[in-house]
């Protein structure tokens, strides 16, 4: 059985800040991923990048219907739009509003 690890107060602060900023880390990863998807040349690379994009979008709380639509269509522009929205405040309420508007259109 693994022993419980004792962290120094400094290490505890680093771990706490990492989890506190998890959303910002995912947003930055998504922004970086947009460029990688755009520049990918092989189909295998594109497939792996889109799988990673799906996981990042899920972690950011993007509604499943919108997430699946973007990933299935491989819509780089929509992915970039979401990445740009991620750097604005209160993004989850924006996505909820967008989802409501999409349901009204249907």
N, C-alpha and C. Protein backbone atom coordinates (compact mmCIF):
# COMPACT_ATOMS: atom_id res chain seq x y z
N UNK A 1 0.84 -1.18 0.00
CA UNK A 1 0.00 0.00 0.00
C UNK A 1 0.88 1.25 0.00
N UNK A 2 0.52 2.21 -0.79
CA UNK A 2 1.31 3.43 -0.90
C UNK A 2 1.16 4.26 0.37
N UNK A 3 2.27 4.85 0.77
CA UNK A 3 2.24 5.69 1.96
C UNK A 3 1.67 7.06 1.60
N UNK A 4 1.01 7.67 2.58
CA UNK A 4 0.49 9.01 2.37
C UNK A 4 1.68 9.96 2.30
N UNK A 5 1.65 10.80 1.32
CA UNK A 5 2.77 11.69 1.10
C UNK A 5 2.53 13.01 1.82
N UNK A 6 3.52 13.47 2.54
CA UNK A 6 3.44 14.75 3.22
C UNK A 6 4.11 15.81 2.36
N UNK A 7 3.35 16.82 2.03
CA UNK A 7 3.87 17.91 1.22
C UNK A 7 4.23 19.07 2.12
N UNK A 8 5.24 19.81 1.70
CA UNK A 8 5.59 21.03 2.43
C UNK A 8 4.49 22.06 2.17
N UNK A 9 4.40 23.08 3.01
CA UNK A 9 3.39 24.11 2.75
C UNK A 9 3.52 24.74 1.36
N UNK A 10 4.74 24.90 0.88
CA UNK A 10 4.96 25.45 -0.45
C UNK A 10 4.39 24.52 -1.52
N UNK A 11 4.65 23.22 -1.39
CA UNK A 11 4.13 22.25 -2.35
C UNK A 11 2.61 22.19 -2.29
N UNK A 12 2.05 22.29 -1.10
CA UNK A 12 0.60 22.29 -0.95
C UNK A 12 -0.01 23.48 -1.68
N UNK A 13 0.64 24.63 -1.59
CA UNK A 13 0.16 25.83 -2.27
C UNK A 13 0.19 25.64 -3.79
N UNK A 14 1.26 25.02 -4.30
CA UNK A 14 1.37 24.78 -5.74
C UNK A 14 0.26 23.85 -6.21
N UNK A 15 0.02 22.77 -5.49
CA UNK A 15 -1.03 21.82 -5.85
C UNK A 15 -2.40 22.49 -5.79
N UNK A 16 -2.66 23.26 -4.74
CA UNK A 16 -3.94 23.96 -4.58
C UNK A 16 -4.16 24.95 -5.73
N UNK A 17 -3.13 25.70 -6.09
CA UNK A 17 -3.26 26.67 -7.19
C UNK A 17 -3.47 25.99 -8.53
N UNK A 18 -2.84 24.83 -8.71
CA UNK A 18 -3.03 24.09 -9.96
C UNK A 18 -4.50 23.73 -10.14
N UNK A 19 -5.10 23.17 -9.11
CA UNK A 19 -6.51 22.78 -9.22
C UNK A 19 -7.43 23.98 -9.24
N UNK A 20 -7.05 25.05 -8.60
CA UNK A 20 -7.84 26.27 -8.62
C UNK A 20 -7.89 26.87 -10.02
N UNK A 21 -6.79 26.75 -10.75
CA UNK A 21 -6.69 27.33 -12.09
C UNK A 21 -6.89 26.32 -13.20
N UNK A 22 -7.50 25.19 -12.90
CA UNK A 22 -7.69 24.13 -13.89
C UNK A 22 -8.48 24.62 -15.11
N UNK A 23 -9.49 25.45 -14.89
CA UNK A 23 -10.28 25.98 -16.01
C UNK A 23 -9.44 26.84 -16.95
N UNK A 24 -8.63 27.71 -16.37
CA UNK A 24 -7.78 28.57 -17.19
C UNK A 24 -6.74 27.74 -17.96
N UNK A 25 -6.26 26.69 -17.33
CA UNK A 25 -5.29 25.82 -18.00
C UNK A 25 -5.94 25.13 -19.19
N UNK A 26 -7.18 24.66 -19.01
CA UNK A 26 -7.90 24.01 -20.12
C UNK A 26 -8.20 25.00 -21.24
N UNK A 27 -8.57 26.24 -20.87
CA UNK A 27 -8.85 27.25 -21.88
C UNK A 27 -7.61 27.53 -22.73
N UNK A 28 -6.46 27.64 -22.08
CA UNK A 28 -5.22 27.90 -22.81
C UNK A 28 -4.87 26.70 -23.69
N UNK A 29 -5.09 25.49 -23.18
CA UNK A 29 -4.82 24.28 -23.96
C UNK A 29 -5.70 24.24 -25.20
N UNK A 30 -6.97 24.64 -25.05
CA UNK A 30 -7.88 24.66 -26.19
C UNK A 30 -7.44 25.68 -27.22
N UNK A 31 -7.01 26.84 -26.77
CA UNK A 31 -6.53 27.87 -27.69
C UNK A 31 -5.30 27.38 -28.47
N UNK A 32 -4.40 26.70 -27.78
CA UNK A 32 -3.22 26.14 -28.45
C UNK A 32 -3.62 25.04 -29.42
N UNK A 33 -4.62 24.27 -29.04
CA UNK A 33 -5.07 23.15 -29.86
C UNK A 33 -5.68 23.62 -31.18
N UNK A 34 -6.33 24.78 -31.18
CA UNK A 34 -6.93 25.30 -32.41
C UNK A 34 -5.86 25.47 -33.49
N UNK A 35 -4.75 26.05 -33.12
CA UNK A 35 -3.65 26.22 -34.08
C UNK A 35 -3.09 24.89 -34.55
N UNK A 36 -2.97 23.95 -33.61
CA UNK A 36 -2.45 22.63 -33.98
C UNK A 36 -3.38 21.92 -34.95
N UNK A 37 -4.69 22.01 -34.72
CA UNK A 37 -5.66 21.37 -35.62
C UNK A 37 -5.59 22.00 -37.00
N UNK A 38 -5.49 23.31 -37.04
CA UNK A 38 -5.44 24.02 -38.32
C UNK A 38 -4.20 23.62 -39.12
N UNK A 39 -3.09 23.41 -38.43
CA UNK A 39 -1.83 23.13 -39.11
C UNK A 39 -1.55 21.64 -39.31
N UNK A 40 -2.37 20.78 -38.74
CA UNK A 40 -2.14 19.33 -38.86
C UNK A 40 -2.22 18.90 -40.32
N UNK A 41 -1.31 18.02 -40.72
CA UNK A 41 -1.26 17.61 -42.12
C UNK A 41 -1.76 16.19 -42.34
N UNK A 42 -1.52 15.30 -41.39
CA UNK A 42 -1.94 13.91 -41.58
C UNK A 42 -3.30 13.67 -40.93
N UNK A 43 -4.02 12.72 -41.48
CA UNK A 43 -5.35 12.39 -40.97
C UNK A 43 -5.27 11.80 -39.56
N UNK A 44 -4.24 11.02 -39.30
CA UNK A 44 -4.07 10.42 -37.97
C UNK A 44 -3.86 11.51 -36.92
N UNK A 45 -3.07 12.51 -37.24
CA UNK A 45 -2.82 13.62 -36.31
C UNK A 45 -4.09 14.40 -36.07
N UNK A 46 -4.85 14.67 -37.13
CA UNK A 46 -6.11 15.40 -36.99
C UNK A 46 -7.08 14.64 -36.10
N UNK A 47 -7.15 13.32 -36.29
CA UNK A 47 -8.05 12.50 -35.49
C UNK A 47 -7.69 12.57 -34.01
N UNK A 48 -6.41 12.48 -33.70
CA UNK A 48 -6.00 12.53 -32.30
C UNK A 48 -6.23 13.92 -31.70
N UNK A 49 -6.03 14.96 -32.49
CA UNK A 49 -6.25 16.32 -32.00
C UNK A 49 -7.74 16.59 -31.75
N UNK A 50 -8.60 16.07 -32.62
CA UNK A 50 -10.03 16.26 -32.43
C UNK A 50 -10.53 15.48 -31.20
N UNK A 51 -9.94 14.33 -30.94
CA UNK A 51 -10.30 13.58 -29.72
C UNK A 51 -9.89 14.38 -28.49
N UNK A 52 -8.73 14.99 -28.55
CA UNK A 52 -8.27 15.83 -27.44
C UNK A 52 -9.16 17.06 -27.28
N UNK A 53 -9.59 17.64 -28.40
CA UNK A 53 -10.49 18.80 -28.36
C UNK A 53 -11.80 18.42 -27.69
N UNK A 54 -12.31 17.25 -27.99
CA UNK A 54 -13.56 16.78 -27.39
C UNK A 54 -13.42 16.70 -25.87
N UNK A 55 -12.32 16.17 -25.39
CA UNK A 55 -12.10 16.06 -23.94
C UNK A 55 -11.97 17.43 -23.29
N UNK A 56 -11.27 18.35 -23.96
CA UNK A 56 -11.13 19.69 -23.41
C UNK A 56 -12.46 20.42 -23.37
N UNK A 57 -13.25 20.28 -24.42
CA UNK A 57 -14.56 20.93 -24.44
C UNK A 57 -15.45 20.38 -23.34
N UNK A 58 -15.38 19.07 -23.13
CA UNK A 58 -16.16 18.46 -22.06
C UNK A 58 -15.72 19.00 -20.70
N UNK A 59 -14.43 19.11 -20.50
CA UNK A 59 -13.90 19.62 -19.25
C UNK A 59 -14.25 21.08 -19.00
N UNK A 60 -14.45 21.83 -20.07
CA UNK A 60 -14.82 23.25 -19.94
C UNK A 60 -16.32 23.44 -19.74
N UNK A 61 -17.09 22.37 -19.86
CA UNK A 61 -18.52 22.47 -19.63
C UNK A 61 -19.34 22.87 -20.83
N UNK A 62 -18.80 22.69 -22.01
CA UNK A 62 -19.56 22.98 -23.23
C UNK A 62 -20.67 21.94 -23.35
N UNK A 63 -21.90 22.36 -23.66
CA UNK A 63 -23.00 21.39 -23.78
C UNK A 63 -22.67 20.27 -24.77
N UNK A 64 -23.12 19.06 -24.43
CA UNK A 64 -22.78 17.88 -25.22
C UNK A 64 -23.24 17.99 -26.66
N UNK A 65 -24.42 18.55 -26.89
CA UNK A 65 -24.93 18.66 -28.27
C UNK A 65 -24.02 19.55 -29.11
N UNK A 66 -23.60 20.65 -28.54
CA UNK A 66 -22.73 21.57 -29.29
C UNK A 66 -21.34 20.96 -29.48
N UNK A 67 -20.85 20.32 -28.43
CA UNK A 67 -19.54 19.68 -28.50
C UNK A 67 -19.50 18.62 -29.58
N UNK A 68 -20.51 17.76 -29.60
CA UNK A 68 -20.55 16.69 -30.59
C UNK A 68 -20.68 17.23 -32.01
N UNK A 69 -21.47 18.29 -32.18
CA UNK A 69 -21.64 18.88 -33.50
C UNK A 69 -20.31 19.42 -34.03
N UNK A 70 -19.55 20.07 -33.18
CA UNK A 70 -18.27 20.65 -33.60
C UNK A 70 -17.27 19.55 -33.94
N UNK A 71 -17.20 18.53 -33.08
CA UNK A 71 -16.21 17.47 -33.27
C UNK A 71 -16.56 16.61 -34.48
N UNK A 72 -17.84 16.29 -34.66
CA UNK A 72 -18.24 15.46 -35.80
C UNK A 72 -18.01 16.17 -37.12
N UNK A 73 -18.29 17.48 -37.16
CA UNK A 73 -18.09 18.25 -38.40
C UNK A 73 -16.63 18.68 -38.58
N UNK A 74 -15.86 18.57 -37.49
CA UNK A 74 -14.48 19.04 -37.48
C UNK A 74 -14.42 20.51 -37.91
N UNK A 75 -15.24 21.30 -37.26
CA UNK A 75 -15.38 22.71 -37.57
C UNK A 75 -14.35 23.53 -36.78
N UNK A 76 -13.25 23.86 -37.43
CA UNK A 76 -12.16 24.59 -36.77
C UNK A 76 -12.61 25.99 -36.38
N UNK A 77 -13.44 26.63 -37.21
CA UNK A 77 -13.91 27.99 -36.89
C UNK A 77 -14.75 28.01 -35.62
N UNK A 78 -15.63 27.03 -35.46
CA UNK A 78 -16.46 26.96 -34.25
C UNK A 78 -15.59 26.66 -33.03
N UNK A 79 -14.58 25.83 -33.21
CA UNK A 79 -13.66 25.52 -32.11
C UNK A 79 -12.90 26.77 -31.70
N UNK A 80 -12.46 27.55 -32.68
CA UNK A 80 -11.76 28.80 -32.38
C UNK A 80 -12.68 29.80 -31.70
N UNK A 81 -13.92 29.81 -32.10
CA UNK A 81 -14.90 30.71 -31.48
C UNK A 81 -15.08 30.37 -30.00
N UNK A 82 -15.17 29.09 -29.69
CA UNK A 82 -15.31 28.67 -28.30
C UNK A 82 -14.04 28.98 -27.53
N UNK A 83 -12.90 28.78 -28.14
CA UNK A 83 -11.63 29.08 -27.47
C UNK A 83 -11.55 30.57 -27.15
N UNK A 84 -12.01 31.42 -28.06
CA UNK A 84 -12.00 32.86 -27.82
C UNK A 84 -12.98 33.24 -26.73
N UNK A 85 -14.14 32.59 -26.70
CA UNK A 85 -15.12 32.85 -25.65
C UNK A 85 -14.59 32.46 -24.29
N UNK A 86 -13.73 31.46 -24.26
CA UNK A 86 -13.20 30.98 -23.00
C UNK A 86 -12.42 32.02 -22.24
N UNK A 87 -11.89 33.02 -22.93
CA UNK A 87 -11.11 34.03 -22.26
C UNK A 87 -11.96 35.20 -21.79
N UNK A 88 -13.25 35.13 -22.05
CA UNK A 88 -14.16 36.14 -21.53
C UNK A 88 -14.74 35.63 -20.22
N UNK A 89 -15.24 36.52 -19.41
CA UNK A 89 -15.78 36.12 -18.13
C UNK A 89 -17.14 35.47 -18.30
N UNK A 90 -17.49 34.63 -17.36
CA UNK A 90 -18.80 33.98 -17.26
C UNK A 90 -19.16 33.21 -18.54
N UNK A 91 -18.27 32.38 -19.02
CA UNK A 91 -18.48 31.65 -20.27
C UNK A 91 -19.57 30.60 -20.17
N UNK A 92 -19.74 29.98 -19.00
CA UNK A 92 -20.74 28.92 -18.88
C UNK A 92 -22.15 29.47 -19.07
N UNK A 93 -22.41 30.67 -18.57
CA UNK A 93 -23.73 31.26 -18.79
C UNK A 93 -23.93 31.61 -20.26
N UNK A 94 -22.86 32.01 -20.94
CA UNK A 94 -22.95 32.28 -22.38
C UNK A 94 -23.30 31.01 -23.14
N UNK A 95 -22.66 29.90 -22.78
CA UNK A 95 -22.92 28.64 -23.47
C UNK A 95 -24.33 28.15 -23.18
N UNK A 96 -24.80 28.37 -21.97
CA UNK A 96 -26.17 27.98 -21.63
C UNK A 96 -27.15 28.81 -22.46
N UNK A 97 -26.88 30.10 -22.60
CA UNK A 97 -27.75 30.97 -23.40
C UNK A 97 -27.71 30.55 -24.86
N UNK A 98 -26.51 30.24 -25.37
CA UNK A 98 -26.39 29.80 -26.76
C UNK A 98 -27.16 28.50 -26.99
N UNK A 99 -27.10 27.59 -26.03
CA UNK A 99 -27.81 26.32 -26.15
C UNK A 99 -29.32 26.56 -26.18
N UNK A 100 -29.80 27.49 -25.37
CA UNK A 100 -31.23 27.82 -25.37
C UNK A 100 -31.64 28.40 -26.73
N UNK A 101 -30.81 29.28 -27.28
CA UNK A 101 -31.11 29.88 -28.58
C UNK A 101 -31.13 28.83 -29.68
N UNK A 102 -30.23 27.86 -29.60
CA UNK A 102 -30.20 26.79 -30.61
C UNK A 102 -31.46 25.94 -30.52
N UNK A 103 -31.93 25.67 -29.31
CA UNK A 103 -33.15 24.87 -29.14
C UNK A 103 -34.37 25.62 -29.68
N UNK A 104 -34.39 26.93 -29.53
CA UNK A 104 -35.50 27.74 -30.04
C UNK A 104 -35.56 27.70 -31.57
N UNK A 105 -34.38 27.67 -32.20
CA UNK A 105 -34.30 27.66 -33.66
C UNK A 105 -34.81 26.34 -34.23
N UNK A 106 -34.66 25.26 -33.47
CA UNK A 106 -35.04 23.94 -33.98
C UNK A 106 -36.51 23.73 -34.00
